[in-house]
PDB file of N, CA and C in Angstrom:
ATOM      1  N   MET A   1      11.598   4.683  24.199  1.00  0.00           N
ATOM      2  CA  MET A   1      10.528   3.766  23.868  1.00  0.00           C
ATOM      3  C   MET A   1      10.895   2.410  24.427  1.00  0.00           C
ATOM      4  N   GLY A   2      10.086   1.905  25.332  1.00  0.00           N
ATOM      5  CA  GLY A   2      10.358   0.638  25.975  1.00  0.00           C
ATOM      6  C   GLY A   2       9.843  -0.544  25.180  1.00  0.00           C
ATOM      7  N   VAL A   3      10.125  -1.728  25.683  1.00  0.00           N
ATOM      8  CA  VAL A   3       9.704  -2.964  25.025  1.00  0.00           C
ATOM      9  C   VAL A   3       8.185  -3.009  24.870  1.00  0.00           C
ATOM     10  N   GLU A   4       7.455  -2.554  25.892  1.00  0.00           N
ATOM     11  CA  GLU A   4       5.992  -2.564  25.823  1.00  0.00           C
ATOM     12  C   GLU A   4       5.508  -1.640  24.714  1.00  0.00           C
ATOM     13  N   ASP A   5       6.180  -0.498  24.559  1.00  0.00           N
ATOM     14  CA  ASP A   5       5.799   0.456  23.523  1.00  0.00           C
ATOM     15  C   ASP A   5       6.026  -0.126  22.132  1.00  0.00           C
ATOM     16  N   ILE A   6       7.141  -0.806  21.957  1.00  0.00           N
ATOM     17  CA  ILE A   6       7.432  -1.428  20.663  1.00  0.00           C
ATOM     18  C   ILE A   6       6.421  -2.529  20.381  1.00  0.00           C
ATOM     19  N   ALA A   7       6.023  -3.253  21.408  1.00  0.00           N
ATOM     20  CA  ALA A   7       5.017  -4.304  21.233  1.00  0.00           C
ATOM     21  C   ALA A   7       3.712  -3.725  20.694  1.00  0.00           C
ATOM     22  N   ALA A   8       3.372  -2.514  21.108  1.00  0.00           N
ATOM     23  CA  ALA A   8       2.143  -1.874  20.620  1.00  0.00           C
ATOM     24  C   ALA A   8       2.206  -1.682  19.107  1.00  0.00           C
ATOM     25  N   LEU A   9       3.390  -1.415  18.566  1.00  0.00           N
ATOM     26  CA  LEU A   9       3.535  -1.232  17.125  1.00  0.00           C
ATOM     27  C   LEU A   9       3.396  -2.536  16.357  1.00  0.00           C
ATOM     28  N   GLN A  10       3.664  -3.647  17.018  1.00  0.00           N
ATOM     29  CA  GLN A  10       3.606  -4.942  16.357  1.00  0.00           C
ATOM     30  C   GLN A  10       2.180  -5.482  16.274  1.00  0.00           C
ATOM     31  N   GLU A  11       1.278  -4.873  16.979  1.00  0.00           N
ATOM     32  CA  GLU A  11      -0.095  -5.360  17.008  1.00  0.00           C
ATOM     33  C   GLU A  11      -0.844  -5.025  15.719  1.00  0.00           C
ATOM     34  N   ASN A  12      -1.859  -5.824  15.454  1.00  0.00           N
ATOM     35  CA  ASN A  12      -2.718  -5.672  14.283  1.00  0.00           C
ATOM     36  C   ASN A  12      -3.298  -4.256  14.201  1.00  0.00           C
ATOM     37  N   ARG A  13      -3.149  -3.623  13.070  1.00  0.00           N
ATOM     38  CA  ARG A  13      -3.711  -2.306  12.741  1.00  0.00           C
ATOM     39  C   ARG A  13      -2.974  -1.116  13.349  1.00  0.00           C
ATOM     40  N   ALA A  14      -1.905  -1.326  14.090  1.00  0.00           N
ATOM     41  CA  ALA A  14      -1.199  -0.203  14.726  1.00  0.00           C
ATOM     42  C   ALA A  14      -0.625   0.762  13.694  1.00  0.00           C
ATOM     43  N   LEU A  15       0.079   0.230  12.704  1.00  0.00           N
ATOM     44  CA  LEU A  15       0.665   1.104  11.690  1.00  0.00           C
ATOM     45  C   LEU A  15      -0.417   1.782  10.862  1.00  0.00           C
ATOM     46  N   GLU A  16      -1.514   1.076  10.642  1.00  0.00           N
ATOM     47  CA  GLU A  16      -2.624   1.673   9.900  1.00  0.00           C
ATOM     48  C   GLU A  16      -3.194   2.886  10.645  1.00  0.00           C
ATOM     49  N   VAL A  17      -3.300   2.776  11.969  1.00  0.00           N
ATOM     50  CA  VAL A  17      -3.773   3.906  12.783  1.00  0.00           C
ATOM     51  C   VAL A  17      -2.812   5.079  12.642  1.00  0.00           C
ATOM     52  N   LEU A  18      -1.511   4.823  12.753  1.00  0.00           N
ATOM     53  CA  LEU A  18      -0.516   5.895  12.650  1.00  0.00           C
ATOM     54  C   LEU A  18      -0.519   6.536  11.268  1.00  0.00           C
ATOM     55  N   ILE A  19      -0.626   5.721  10.234  1.00  0.00           N
ATOM     56  CA  ILE A  19      -0.658   6.251   8.868  1.00  0.00           C
ATOM     57  C   ILE A  19      -1.893   7.124   8.674  1.00  0.00           C
ATOM     58  N   GLN A  20      -3.033   6.662   9.145  1.00  0.00           N
ATOM     59  CA  GLN A  20      -4.269   7.430   8.998  1.00  0.00           C
ATOM     60  C   GLN A  20      -4.164   8.779   9.719  1.00  0.00           C
ATOM     61  N   LEU A  21      -3.583   8.770  10.918  1.00  0.00           N
ATOM     62  CA  LEU A  21      -3.417  10.026  11.661  1.00  0.00           C
ATOM     63  C   LEU A  21      -2.403  10.945  10.993  1.00  0.00           C
ATOM     64  N   SER A  22      -1.420  10.373  10.335  1.00  0.00           N
ATOM     65  CA  SER A  22      -0.457  11.179   9.606  1.00  0.00           C
ATOM     66  C   SER A  22      -1.128  11.884   8.436  1.00  0.00           C
ATOM     67  N   LYS A  23      -2.046  11.193   7.796  1.00  0.00           N
ATOM     68  CA  LYS A  23      -2.752  11.753   6.638  1.00  0.00           C
ATOM     69  C   LYS A  23      -3.866  12.709   7.045  1.00  0.00           C
ATOM     70  N   THR A  24      -4.454  12.502   8.237  1.00  0.00           N
ATOM     71  CA  THR A  24      -5.580  13.336   8.681  1.00  0.00           C
ATOM     72  C   THR A  24      -5.403  13.725  10.149  1.00  0.00           C
ATOM     73  N   PRO A  25      -4.419  14.590  10.446  1.00  0.00           N
ATOM     74  CA  PRO A  25      -4.214  14.996  11.840  1.00  0.00           C
ATOM     75  C   PRO A  25      -5.442  15.736  12.378  1.00  0.00           C
ATOM     76  N   GLY A  26      -5.771  15.454  13.624  1.00  0.00           N
ATOM     77  CA  GLY A  26      -6.915  16.111  14.246  1.00  0.00           C
ATOM     78  C   GLY A  26      -8.239  15.449  13.920  1.00  0.00           C
ATOM     79  N   ILE A  27      -8.192  14.244  13.416  1.00  0.00           N
ATOM     80  CA  ILE A  27      -9.407  13.512  13.082  1.00  0.00           C
ATOM     81  C   ILE A  27     -10.148  13.141  14.371  1.00  0.00           C
ATOM     82  N   LEU A  28     -11.464  13.174  14.313  1.00  0.00           N
ATOM     83  CA  LEU A  28     -12.238  12.728  15.470  1.00  0.00           C
ATOM     84  C   LEU A  28     -12.002  11.239  15.676  1.00  0.00           C
ATOM     85  N   ARG A  29     -11.908  10.837  16.910  1.00  0.00           N
ATOM     86  CA  ARG A  29     -11.654   9.439  17.248  1.00  0.00           C
ATOM     87  C   ARG A  29     -12.669   8.512  16.562  1.00  0.00           C
ATOM     88  N   THR A  30     -13.941   8.872  16.606  1.00  0.00           N
ATOM     89  CA  THR A  30     -14.986   8.027  16.010  1.00  0.00           C
ATOM     90  C   THR A  30     -14.836   7.934  14.490  1.00  0.00           C
ATOM     91  N   VAL A  31     -14.398   9.001  13.850  1.00  0.00           N
ATOM     92  CA  VAL A  31     -14.198   8.983  12.400  1.00  0.00           C
ATOM     93  C   VAL A  31     -13.009   8.090  12.051  1.00  0.00           C
ATOM     94  N   LEU A  32     -11.949   8.156  12.860  1.00  0.00           N
ATOM     95  CA  LEU A  32     -10.802   7.264  12.658  1.00  0.00           C
ATOM     96  C   LEU A  32     -11.259   5.813  12.718  1.00  0.00           C
ATOM     97  N   TYR A  33     -12.059   5.483  13.723  1.00  0.00           N
ATOM     98  CA  TYR A  33     -12.558   4.112  13.853  1.00  0.00           C
ATOM     99  C   TYR A  33     -13.311   3.696  12.597  1.00  0.00           C
ATOM    100  N   GLU A  34     -14.187   4.572  12.108  1.00  0.00           N
ATOM    101  CA  GLU A  34     -14.978   4.253  10.916  1.00  0.00           C
ATOM    102  C   GLU A  34     -14.091   4.015   9.701  1.00  0.00           C
ATOM    103  N   LYS A  35     -13.067   4.852   9.521  1.00  0.00           N
ATOM    104  CA  LYS A  35     -12.174   4.712   8.370  1.00  0.00           C
ATOM    105  C   LYS A  35     -11.422   3.382   8.404  1.00  0.00           C
ATOM    106  N   ILE A  36     -10.934   3.014   9.566  1.00  0.00           N
ATOM    107  CA  ILE A  36     -10.151   1.778   9.658  1.00  0.00           C
ATOM    108  C   ILE A  36     -11.071   0.555   9.625  1.00  0.00           C
ATOM    109  N   MET A  37     -12.246   0.677  10.198  1.00  0.00           N
ATOM    110  CA  MET A  37     -13.203  -0.428  10.127  1.00  0.00           C
ATOM    111  C   MET A  37     -13.648  -0.672   8.682  1.00  0.00           C
ATOM    112  N   ALA A  38     -13.652   0.355   7.849  1.00  0.00           N
ATOM    113  CA  ALA A  38     -14.005   0.209   6.434  1.00  0.00           C
ATOM    114  C   ALA A  38     -12.999  -0.681   5.706  1.00  0.00           C
ATOM    115  N   ASN A  39     -11.803  -0.822   6.275  1.00  0.00           N
ATOM    116  CA  ASN A  39     -10.775  -1.696   5.703  1.00  0.00           C
ATOM    117  C   ASN A  39     -10.821  -3.101   6.287  1.00  0.00           C
ATOM    118  N   GLY A  40     -11.878  -3.403   7.046  1.00  0.00           N
ATOM    119  CA  GLY A  40     -12.062  -4.762   7.550  1.00  0.00           C
ATOM    120  C   GLY A  40     -11.689  -4.987   9.002  1.00  0.00           C
ATOM    121  N   ALA A  41     -11.307  -3.953   9.717  1.00  0.00           N
ATOM    122  CA  ALA A  41     -10.929  -4.116  11.134  1.00  0.00           C
ATOM    123  C   ALA A  41     -12.178  -4.132  12.005  1.00  0.00           C
ATOM    124  N   GLY A  42     -12.094  -4.851  13.101  1.00  0.00           N
ATOM    125  CA  GLY A  42     -13.174  -4.840  14.077  1.00  0.00           C
ATOM    126  C   GLY A  42     -13.076  -3.602  14.961  1.00  0.00           C
ATOM    127  N   LYS A  43     -14.209  -3.114  15.412  1.00  0.00           N
ATOM    128  CA  LYS A  43     -14.233  -1.882  16.201  1.00  0.00           C
ATOM    129  C   LYS A  43     -13.410  -2.017  17.475  1.00  0.00           C
ATOM    130  N   GLN A  44     -13.539  -3.124  18.181  1.00  0.00           N
ATOM    131  CA  GLN A  44     -12.797  -3.303  19.435  1.00  0.00           C
ATOM    132  C   GLN A  44     -11.289  -3.330  19.190  1.00  0.00           C
ATOM    133  N   THR A  45     -10.878  -3.893  18.062  1.00  0.00           N
ATOM    134  CA  THR A  45      -9.452  -3.909  17.712  1.00  0.00           C
ATOM    135  C   THR A  45      -8.939  -2.490  17.531  1.00  0.00           C
ATOM    136  N   VAL A  46      -9.694  -1.676  16.809  1.00  0.00           N
ATOM    137  CA  VAL A  46      -9.264  -0.303  16.540  1.00  0.00           C
ATOM    138  C   VAL A  46      -9.244   0.517  17.829  1.00  0.00           C
ATOM    139  N   ILE A  47     -10.248   0.340  18.666  1.00  0.00           N
ATOM    140  CA  ILE A  47     -10.300   1.058  19.949  1.00  0.00           C
ATOM    141  C   ILE A  47      -9.093   0.674  20.809  1.00  0.00           C
ATOM    142  N   LYS A  48      -8.865  -0.619  20.928  1.00  0.00           N
ATOM    143  CA  LYS A  48      -7.749  -1.105  21.757  1.00  0.00           C
ATOM    144  C   LYS A  48      -6.409  -0.612  21.218  1.00  0.00           C
ATOM    145  N   ARG A  49      -6.232  -0.692  19.879  1.00  0.00           N
ATOM    146  CA  ARG A  49      -4.963  -0.284  19.286  1.00  0.00           C
ATOM    147  C   ARG A  49      -4.716   1.199  19.504  1.00  0.00           C
ATOM    148  N   THR A  50      -5.743   2.010  19.329  1.00  0.00           N
ATOM    149  CA  THR A  50      -5.607   3.458  19.531  1.00  0.00           C
ATOM    150  C   THR A  50      -5.216   3.747  20.976  1.00  0.00           C
ATOM    151  N   ASP A  51      -5.877   3.090  21.923  1.00  0.00           N
ATOM    152  CA  ASP A  51      -5.551   3.279  23.339  1.00  0.00           C
ATOM    153  C   ASP A  51      -4.113   2.877  23.646  1.00  0.00           C
ATOM    154  N   GLU A  52      -3.658   1.770  23.053  1.00  0.00           N
ATOM    155  CA  GLU A  52      -2.281   1.320  23.277  1.00  0.00           C
ATOM    156  C   GLU A  52      -1.268   2.324  22.716  1.00  0.00           C
ATOM    157  N   LEU A  53      -1.585   2.904  21.577  1.00  0.00           N
ATOM    158  CA  LEU A  53      -0.680   3.882  20.971  1.00  0.00           C
ATOM    159  C   LEU A  53      -0.662   5.190  21.761  1.00  0.00           C
ATOM    160  N   ILE A  54      -1.765   5.513  22.407  1.00  0.00           N
ATOM    161  CA  ILE A  54      -1.792   6.673  23.306  1.00  0.00           C
ATOM    162  C   ILE A  54      -0.901   6.403  24.512  1.00  0.00           C
ATOM    163  N   ILE A  55      -1.051   5.228  25.106  1.00  0.00           N
ATOM    164  CA  ILE A  55      -0.230   4.845  26.261  1.00  0.00           C
ATOM    165  C   ILE A  55       1.252   4.810  25.892  1.00  0.00           C
ATOM    166  N   ALA A  56       1.555   4.381  24.669  1.00  0.00           N
ATOM    167  CA  ALA A  56       2.947   4.306  24.208  1.00  0.00           C
ATOM    168  C   ALA A  56       3.529   5.686  23.899  1.00  0.00           C
ATOM    169  N   GLY A  57       2.702   6.724  23.937  1.00  0.00           N
ATOM    170  CA  GLY A  57       3.187   8.072  23.703  1.00  0.00           C
ATOM    171  C   GLY A  57       3.317   8.454  22.238  1.00  0.00           C
ATOM    172  N   LEU A  58       2.588   7.749  21.360  1.00  0.00           N
ATOM    173  CA  LEU A  58       2.664   8.036  19.935  1.00  0.00           C
ATOM    174  C   LEU A  58       1.495   8.889  19.450  1.00  0.00           C
ATOM    175  N   ILE A  59       0.422   8.899  20.241  1.00  0.00           N
ATOM    176  CA  ILE A  59      -0.779   9.668  19.916  1.00  0.00           C
ATOM    177  C   ILE A  59      -1.179  10.452  21.154  1.00  0.00           C
ATOM    178  N   TYR A  60      -1.721  11.652  20.944  1.00  0.00           N
ATOM    179  CA  TYR A  60      -2.331  12.380  22.053  1.00  0.00           C
ATOM    180  C   TYR A  60      -3.716  12.853  21.635  1.00  0.00           C
ATOM    181  N   THR A  61      -4.554  13.128  22.621  1.00  0.00           N
ATOM    182  CA  THR A  61      -5.933  13.518  22.356  1.00  0.00           C
ATOM    183  C   THR A  61      -6.175  14.955  22.808  1.00  0.00           C
ATOM    184  N   VAL A  62      -7.117  15.592  22.136  1.00  0.00           N
ATOM    185  CA  VAL A  62      -7.599  16.909  22.528  1.00  0.00           C
ATOM    186  C   VAL A  62      -9.116  16.804  22.604  1.00  0.00           C
ATOM    187  N   GLN A  63      -9.649  17.151  23.750  1.00  0.00           N
ATOM    188  CA  GLN A  63     -11.095  17.076  23.963  1.00  0.00           C
ATOM    189  C   GLN A  63     -11.808  18.143  23.144  1.00  0.00           C
ATOM    190  N   SER A  64     -12.881  17.755  22.481  1.00  0.00           N
ATOM    191  CA  SER A  64     -13.686  18.704  21.713  1.00  0.00           C
ATOM    192  C   SER A  64     -14.424  19.632  22.665  1.00  0.00           C
ATOM    193  N   LYS A  65     -14.457  20.909  22.337  1.00  0.00           N
ATOM    194  CA  LYS A  65     -15.180  21.869  23.164  1.00  0.00           C
ATOM    195  C   LYS A  65     -16.667  21.882  22.821  1.00  0.00           C
ATOM    196  N   THR A  66     -17.000  21.396  21.625  1.00  0.00           N
ATOM    197  CA  THR A  66     -18.399  21.427  21.194  1.00  0.00           C
ATOM    198  C   THR A  66     -19.117  20.095  21.368  1.00  0.00           C
ATOM    199  N   HIS A  67     -18.378  18.997  21.349  1.00  0.00           N
ATOM    200  CA  HIS A  67     -18.971  17.664  21.505  1.00  0.00           C
ATOM    201  C   HIS A  67     -18.418  17.045  22.779  1.00  0.00           C
ATOM    202  N   LYS A  68     -19.290  16.785  23.707  1.00  0.00           N
ATOM    203  CA  LYS A  68     -18.865  16.262  25.010  1.00  0.00           C
ATOM    204  C   LYS A  68     -18.025  14.991  24.888  1.00  0.00           C
ATOM    205  N   ALA A  69     -18.448  14.090  24.021  1.00  0.00           N
ATOM    206  CA  ALA A  69     -17.743  12.811  23.900  1.00  0.00           C
ATOM    207  C   ALA A  69     -16.668  12.829  22.813  1.00  0.00           C
ATOM    208  N   GLY A  70     -16.538  13.932  22.088  1.00  0.00           N
ATOM    209  CA  GLY A  70     -15.604  13.987  20.970  1.00  0.00           C
ATOM    210  C   GLY A  70     -14.166  14.207  21.393  1.00  0.00           C
ATOM    211  N   GLN A  71     -13.268  13.443  20.792  1.00  0.00           N
ATOM    212  CA  GLN A  71     -11.835  13.608  21.010  1.00  0.00           C
ATOM    213  C   GLN A  71     -11.145  13.677  19.658  1.00  0.00           C
ATOM    214  N   TYR A  72     -10.275  14.648  19.517  1.00  0.00           N
ATOM    215  CA  TYR A  72      -9.463  14.761  18.318  1.00  0.00           C
ATOM    216  C   TYR A  72      -8.135  14.064  18.585  1.00  0.00           C
ATOM    217  N   LEU A  73      -7.633  13.358  17.585  1.00  0.00           N
ATOM    218  CA  LEU A  73      -6.394  12.600  17.738  1.00  0.00           C
ATOM    219  C   LEU A  73      -5.272  13.219  16.901  1.00  0.00           C
ATOM    220  N   PHE A  74      -4.098  13.263  17.492  1.00  0.00           N
ATOM    221  CA  PHE A  74      -2.911  13.805  16.834  1.00  0.00           C
ATOM    222  C   PHE A  74      -1.719  12.895  17.135  1.00  0.00           C
ATOM    223  N   LEU A  75      -0.740  12.912  16.244  1.00  0.00           N
ATOM    224  CA  LEU A  75       0.508  12.189  16.484  1.00  0.00           C
ATOM    225  C   LEU A  75       1.444  13.056  17.315  1.00  0.00           C
ATOM    226  N   THR A  76       2.141  12.441  18.257  1.00  0.00           N
ATOM    227  CA  THR A  76       3.213  13.124  18.973  1.00  0.00           C
ATOM    228  C   THR A  76       4.411  13.208  18.022  1.00  0.00           C
ATOM    229  N   ASP A  77       5.462  13.885  18.440  1.00  0.00           N
ATOM    230  CA  ASP A  77       6.672  13.942  17.602  1.00  0.00           C
ATOM    231  C   ASP A  77       7.189  12.534  17.307  1.00  0.00           C
ATOM    232  N   LYS A  78       7.205  11.692  18.327  1.00  0.00           N
ATOM    233  CA  LYS A  78       7.660  10.314  18.156  1.00  0.00           C
ATOM    234  C   LYS A  78       6.733   9.563  17.203  1.00  0.00           C
ATOM    235  N   GLY A  79       5.438   9.774  17.353  1.00  0.00           N
ATOM    236  CA  GLY A  79       4.462   9.145  16.468  1.00  0.00           C
ATOM    237  C   GLY A  79       4.622   9.589  15.026  1.00  0.00           C
ATOM    238  N   GLN A  80       4.944  10.876  14.824  1.00  0.00           N
ATOM    239  CA  GLN A  80       5.151  11.397  13.471  1.00  0.00           C
ATOM    240  C   GLN A  80       6.361  10.750  12.815  1.00  0.00           C
ATOM    241  N   LYS A  81       7.423  10.559  13.590  1.00  0.00           N
ATOM    242  CA  LYS A  81       8.629   9.923  13.041  1.00  0.00           C
ATOM    243  C   LYS A  81       8.326   8.487  12.612  1.00  0.00           C
ATOM    244  N   ILE A  82       7.612   7.768  13.441  1.00  0.00           N
ATOM    245  CA  ILE A  82       7.284   6.374  13.112  1.00  0.00           C
ATOM    246  C   ILE A  82       6.328   6.325  11.932  1.00  0.00           C
ATOM    247  N   ALA A  83       5.336   7.215  11.910  1.00  0.00           N
ATOM    248  CA  ALA A  83       4.378   7.251  10.800  1.00  0.00           C
ATOM    249  C   ALA A  83       5.091   7.557   9.481  1.00  0.00           C
ATOM    250  N   LYS A  84       6.099   8.418   9.522  1.00  0.00           N
ATOM    251  CA  LYS A  84       6.857   8.755   8.315  1.00  0.00           C
ATOM    252  C   LYS A  84       7.487   7.491   7.726  1.00  0.00           C
ATOM    253  N   HIS A  85       8.053   6.655   8.591  1.00  0.00           N
ATOM    254  CA  HIS A  85       8.651   5.399   8.126  1.00  0.00           C
ATOM    255  C   HIS A  85       7.575   4.427   7.657  1.00  0.00           C
ATOM    256  N   ALA A  86       6.448   4.407   8.344  1.00  0.00           N
ATOM    257  CA  ALA A  86       5.346   3.530   7.941  1.00  0.00           C
ATOM    258  C   ALA A  86       4.817   3.934   6.561  1.00  0.00           C
ATOM    259  N   LEU A  87       4.752   5.231   6.307  1.00  0.00           N
ATOM    260  CA  LEU A  87       4.321   5.708   4.988  1.00  0.00           C
ATOM    261  C   LEU A  87       5.313   5.280   3.902  1.00  0.00           C
ATOM    262  N   LYS A  88       6.606   5.309   4.221  1.00  0.00           N
ATOM    263  CA  LYS A  88       7.607   4.849   3.261  1.00  0.00           C
ATOM    264  C   LYS A  88       7.412   3.361   2.969  1.00  0.00           C
ATOM    265  N   MET A  89       7.126   2.585   4.010  1.00  0.00           N
ATOM    266  CA  MET A  89       6.880   1.155   3.813  1.00  0.00           C
ATOM    267  C   MET A  89       5.641   0.943   2.943  1.00  0.00           C
ATOM    268  N   GLU A  90       4.613   1.739   3.191  1.00  0.00           N
ATOM    269  CA  GLU A  90       3.388   1.652   2.402  1.00  0.00           C
ATOM    270  C   GLU A  90       3.691   1.941   0.932  1.00  0.00           C
ATOM    271  N   ASP A  91       4.511   2.954   0.676  1.00  0.00           N
ATOM    272  CA  ASP A  91       4.896   3.287  -0.696  1.00  0.00           C
ATOM    273  C   ASP A  91       5.673   2.152  -1.357  1.00  0.00           C
ATOM    274  N   ILE A  92       6.598   1.567  -0.616  1.00  0.00           N
ATOM    275  CA  ILE A  92       7.396   0.461  -1.155  1.00  0.00           C
ATOM    276  C   ILE A  92       6.489  -0.716  -1.509  1.00  0.00           C
ATOM    277  N   MET A  93       5.574  -1.041  -0.613  1.00  0.00           N
ATOM    278  CA  MET A  93       4.685  -2.181  -0.838  1.00  0.00           C
ATOM    279  C   MET A  93       3.733  -1.944  -2.015  1.00  0.00           C
ATOM    280  N   SER A  94       3.375  -0.696  -2.254  1.00  0.00           N
ATOM    281  CA  SER A  94       2.457  -0.392  -3.360  1.00  0.00           C
ATOM    282  C   SER A  94       3.215  -0.112  -4.661  1.00  0.00           C
ATOM    283  N   GLY A  95       4.544  -0.168  -4.610  1.00  0.00           N
ATOM    284  CA  GLY A  95       5.353   0.050  -5.795  1.00  0.00           C
ATOM    285  C   GLY A  95       5.537   1.514  -6.144  1.00  0.00           C
ATOM    286  N   GLU A  96       5.233   2.403  -5.208  1.00  0.00           N
ATOM    287  CA  GLU A  96       5.332   3.838  -5.476  1.00  0.00           C
ATOM    288  C   GLU A  96       6.587   4.458  -4.874  1.00  0.00           C
ATOM    289  N   SER A  97       7.554   3.649  -4.517  1.00  0.00           N
ATOM    290  CA  SER A  97       8.745   4.214  -3.875  1.00  0.00           C
ATOM    291  C   SER A  97       9.551   5.009  -4.892  1.00  0.00           C
ATOM    292  N   ASN A  98      10.176   6.053  -4.417  1.00  0.00           N
ATOM    293  CA  ASN A  98      10.999   6.900  -5.272  1.00  0.00           C
ATOM    294  C   ASN A  98      12.380   6.274  -5.399  1.00  0.00           C
ATOM    295  N   ALA A  99      12.681   5.763  -6.571  1.00  0.00           N
ATOM    296  CA  ALA A  99      13.931   5.037  -6.768  1.00  0.00           C
ATOM    297  C   ALA A  99      15.157   5.884  -6.461  1.00  0.00           C
ATOM    298  N   GLY A 100      15.132   7.146  -6.805  1.00  0.00           N
ATOM    299  CA  GLY A 100      16.295   7.995  -6.585  1.00  0.00           C
ATOM    300  C   GLY A 100      16.255   8.752  -5.279  1.00  0.00           C
ATOM    301  N   ASP A 101      15.302   8.447  -4.430  1.00  0.00           N
ATOM    302  CA  ASP A 101      15.134   9.189  -3.182  1.00  0.00           C
ATOM    303  C   ASP A 101      16.191   8.754  -2.174  1.00  0.00           C
ATOM    304  N   ASP A 102      17.064   9.671  -1.815  1.00  0.00           N
ATOM    305  CA  ASP A 102      18.086   9.360  -0.820  1.00  0.00           C
ATOM    306  C   ASP A 102      17.850  10.159   0.448  1.00  0.00           C
ATOM    307  N   SER A 103      16.580  10.330   0.802  1.00  0.00           N
ATOM    308  CA  SER A 103      16.237  11.172   1.944  1.00  0.00           C
ATOM    309  C   SER A 103      16.556  10.521   3.281  1.00  0.00           C
ATOM    310  N   ASP A 104      16.777   9.213   3.301  1.00  0.00           N
ATOM    311  CA  ASP A 104      17.197   8.623   4.566  1.00  0.00           C
ATOM    312  C   ASP A 104      18.662   8.203   4.445  1.00  0.00           C
ATOM    313  N   ASP A 105      19.262   7.871   5.551  1.00  0.00           N
ATOM    314  CA  ASP A 105      20.682   7.561   5.526  1.00  0.00           C
ATOM    315  C   ASP A 105      20.939   6.055   5.645  1.00  0.00           C
ATOM    316  N   MET A 106      19.920   5.251   5.399  1.00  0.00           N
ATOM    317  CA  MET A 106      20.070   3.810   5.465  1.00  0.00           C
ATOM    318  C   MET A 106      20.694   3.309   4.162  1.00  0.00           C
ATOM    319  N   ASP A 107      21.562   2.333   4.273  1.00  0.00           N
ATOM    320  CA  ASP A 107      22.165   1.723   3.091  1.00  0.00           C
ATOM    321  C   ASP A 107      21.437   0.421   2.812  1.00  0.00           C
ATOM    322  N   TYR A 108      20.635   0.409   1.764  1.00  0.00           N
ATOM    323  CA  TYR A 108      19.844  -0.763   1.437  1.00  0.00           C
ATOM    324  C   TYR A 108      20.487  -1.598   0.340  1.00  0.00           C
ATOM    325  N   SER A 109      21.667  -1.235  -0.105  1.00  0.00           N
ATOM    326  CA  SER A 109      22.269  -1.947  -1.232  1.00  0.00           C
ATOM    327  C   SER A 109      22.681  -3.348  -0.805  1.00  0.00           C
ATOM    328  N   THR A 110      22.290  -4.312  -1.605  1.00  0.00           N
ATOM    329  CA  THR A 110      22.573  -5.715  -1.305  1.00  0.00           C
ATOM    330  C   THR A 110      24.064  -5.984  -1.323  1.00  0.00           C
ATOM    331  N   SER A 111      24.770  -5.409  -2.268  1.00  0.00           N
ATOM    332  CA  SER A 111      26.196  -5.697  -2.370  1.00  0.00           C
ATOM    333  C   SER A 111      26.932  -5.244  -1.116  1.00  0.00           C
ATOM    334  N   THR A 112      26.547  -4.105  -0.562  1.00  0.00           N
ATOM    335  CA  THR A 112      27.186  -3.623   0.653  1.00  0.00           C
ATOM    336  C   THR A 112      26.905  -4.586   1.804  1.00  0.00           C
ATOM    337  N   ASN A 113      25.683  -5.064   1.892  1.00  0.00           N
ATOM    338  CA  ASN A 113      25.332  -6.001   2.954  1.00  0.00           C
ATOM    339  C   ASN A 113      26.084  -7.321   2.792  1.00  0.00           C
ATOM    340  N   ILE A 114      26.208  -7.793   1.556  1.00  0.00           N
ATOM    341  CA  ILE A 114      26.938  -9.038   1.313  1.00  0.00           C
ATOM    342  C   ILE A 114      28.406  -8.849   1.676  1.00  0.00           C
ATOM    343  N   ASP A 115      28.988  -7.697   1.301  1.00  0.00           N
ATOM    344  CA  ASP A 115      30.381  -7.414   1.641  1.00  0.00           C
ATOM    345  C   ASP A 115      30.584  -7.394   3.151  1.00  0.00           C
ATOM    346  N   ALA A 116      29.635  -6.814   3.862  1.00  0.00           N
ATOM    347  CA  ALA A 116      29.745  -6.751   5.321  1.00  0.00           C
ATOM    348  C   ALA A 116      29.689  -8.142   5.936  1.00  0.00           C
ATOM    349  N   VAL A 117      28.799  -8.977   5.438  1.00  0.00           N
ATOM    350  CA  VAL A 117      28.694 -10.349   5.945  1.00  0.00           C
ATOM    351  C   VAL A 117      29.966 -11.118   5.620  1.00  0.00           C
ATOM    352  N   ALA A 118      30.477 -10.951   4.415  1.00  0.00           N
ATOM    353  CA  ALA A 118      31.709 -11.639   4.024  1.00  0.00           C
ATOM    354  C   ALA A 118      32.873 -11.206   4.917  1.00  0.00           C
ATOM    355  N   ALA A 119      32.953  -9.924   5.219  1.00  0.00           N
ATOM    356  CA  ALA A 119      34.024  -9.423   6.078  1.00  0.00           C
ATOM    357  C   ALA A 119      33.913 -10.032   7.476  1.00  0.00           C
ATOM    358  N   LEU A 120      32.703 -10.164   7.978  1.00  0.00           N
ATOM    359  CA  LEU A 120      32.506 -10.780   9.301  1.00  0.00           C
ATOM    360  C   LEU A 120      32.934 -12.242   9.284  1.00  0.00           C
ATOM    361  N   GLU A 121      32.599 -12.935   8.207  1.00  0.00           N
ATOM    362  CA  GLU A 121      32.973 -14.340   8.082  1.00  0.00           C
ATOM    363  C   GLU A 121      34.494 -14.495   8.059  1.00  0.00           C
ATOM    364  N   LEU A 122      35.183 -13.594   7.365  1.00  0.00           N
ATOM    365  CA  LEU A 122      36.649 -13.648   7.308  1.00  0.00           C
ATOM    366  C   LEU A 122      37.258 -13.402   8.669  1.00  0.00           C
ATOM    367  N   LYS A 123      36.639 -12.503   9.463  1.00  0.00           N
ATOM    368  CA  LYS A 123      37.142 -12.218  10.794  1.00  0.00           C
ATOM    369  C   LYS A 123      37.059 -13.440  11.694  1.00  0.00           C
ATOM    370  N   LYS A 124      36.012 -14.241  11.507  1.00  0.00           N
ATOM    371  CA  LYS A 124      35.804 -15.430  12.351  1.00  0.00           C
ATOM    372  C   LYS A 124      36.895 -16.473  12.108  1.00  0.00           C
ATOM    373  N   LYS A 125      37.462 -16.498  10.896  1.00  0.00           N
ATOM    374  CA  LYS A 125      38.460 -17.538  10.539  1.00  0.00           C
ATOM    375  C   LYS A 125      39.802 -17.255  11.091  1.00  0.00           C
TER     376      LYS A 125
END
C-alpha cells in the first residue's frame, strides 16, 4: 500500500464506505451511495471516495448481469483487513468495545507505553 493509497483512507467518508461494505458485501453501488448520503454525505463525495478506494485496491466491482448500469461492490482481502480495524474503532467510539477482548496483539496499556518512553529517556542520558 503506497502513500497515495493511505491518503485515500484519510479522506472524508472513506472508513464509512469500508465499514458499510463490510456490513453489506455485494451491495449495489447506487444503494451504497444512498446509505452514506443518508448520514449527511454529498453524492459526489461518496462517488469520488468509492472510486479512490477501488484504485487503492481496497474495493472491487462486479458488473450486474441483469442491470446494465448496476455494479456490486466488495472488499478485497486488504479492504477487509482495514474494515475490521475500522469496525473496532467504531465500537470503541460508541462505547461497545469488548474490555476483555485480546483478539489483537497490540499493547494498549498506558503503563507499558510510559515505561517504554522512560526507558528511551534514560538511554538518551
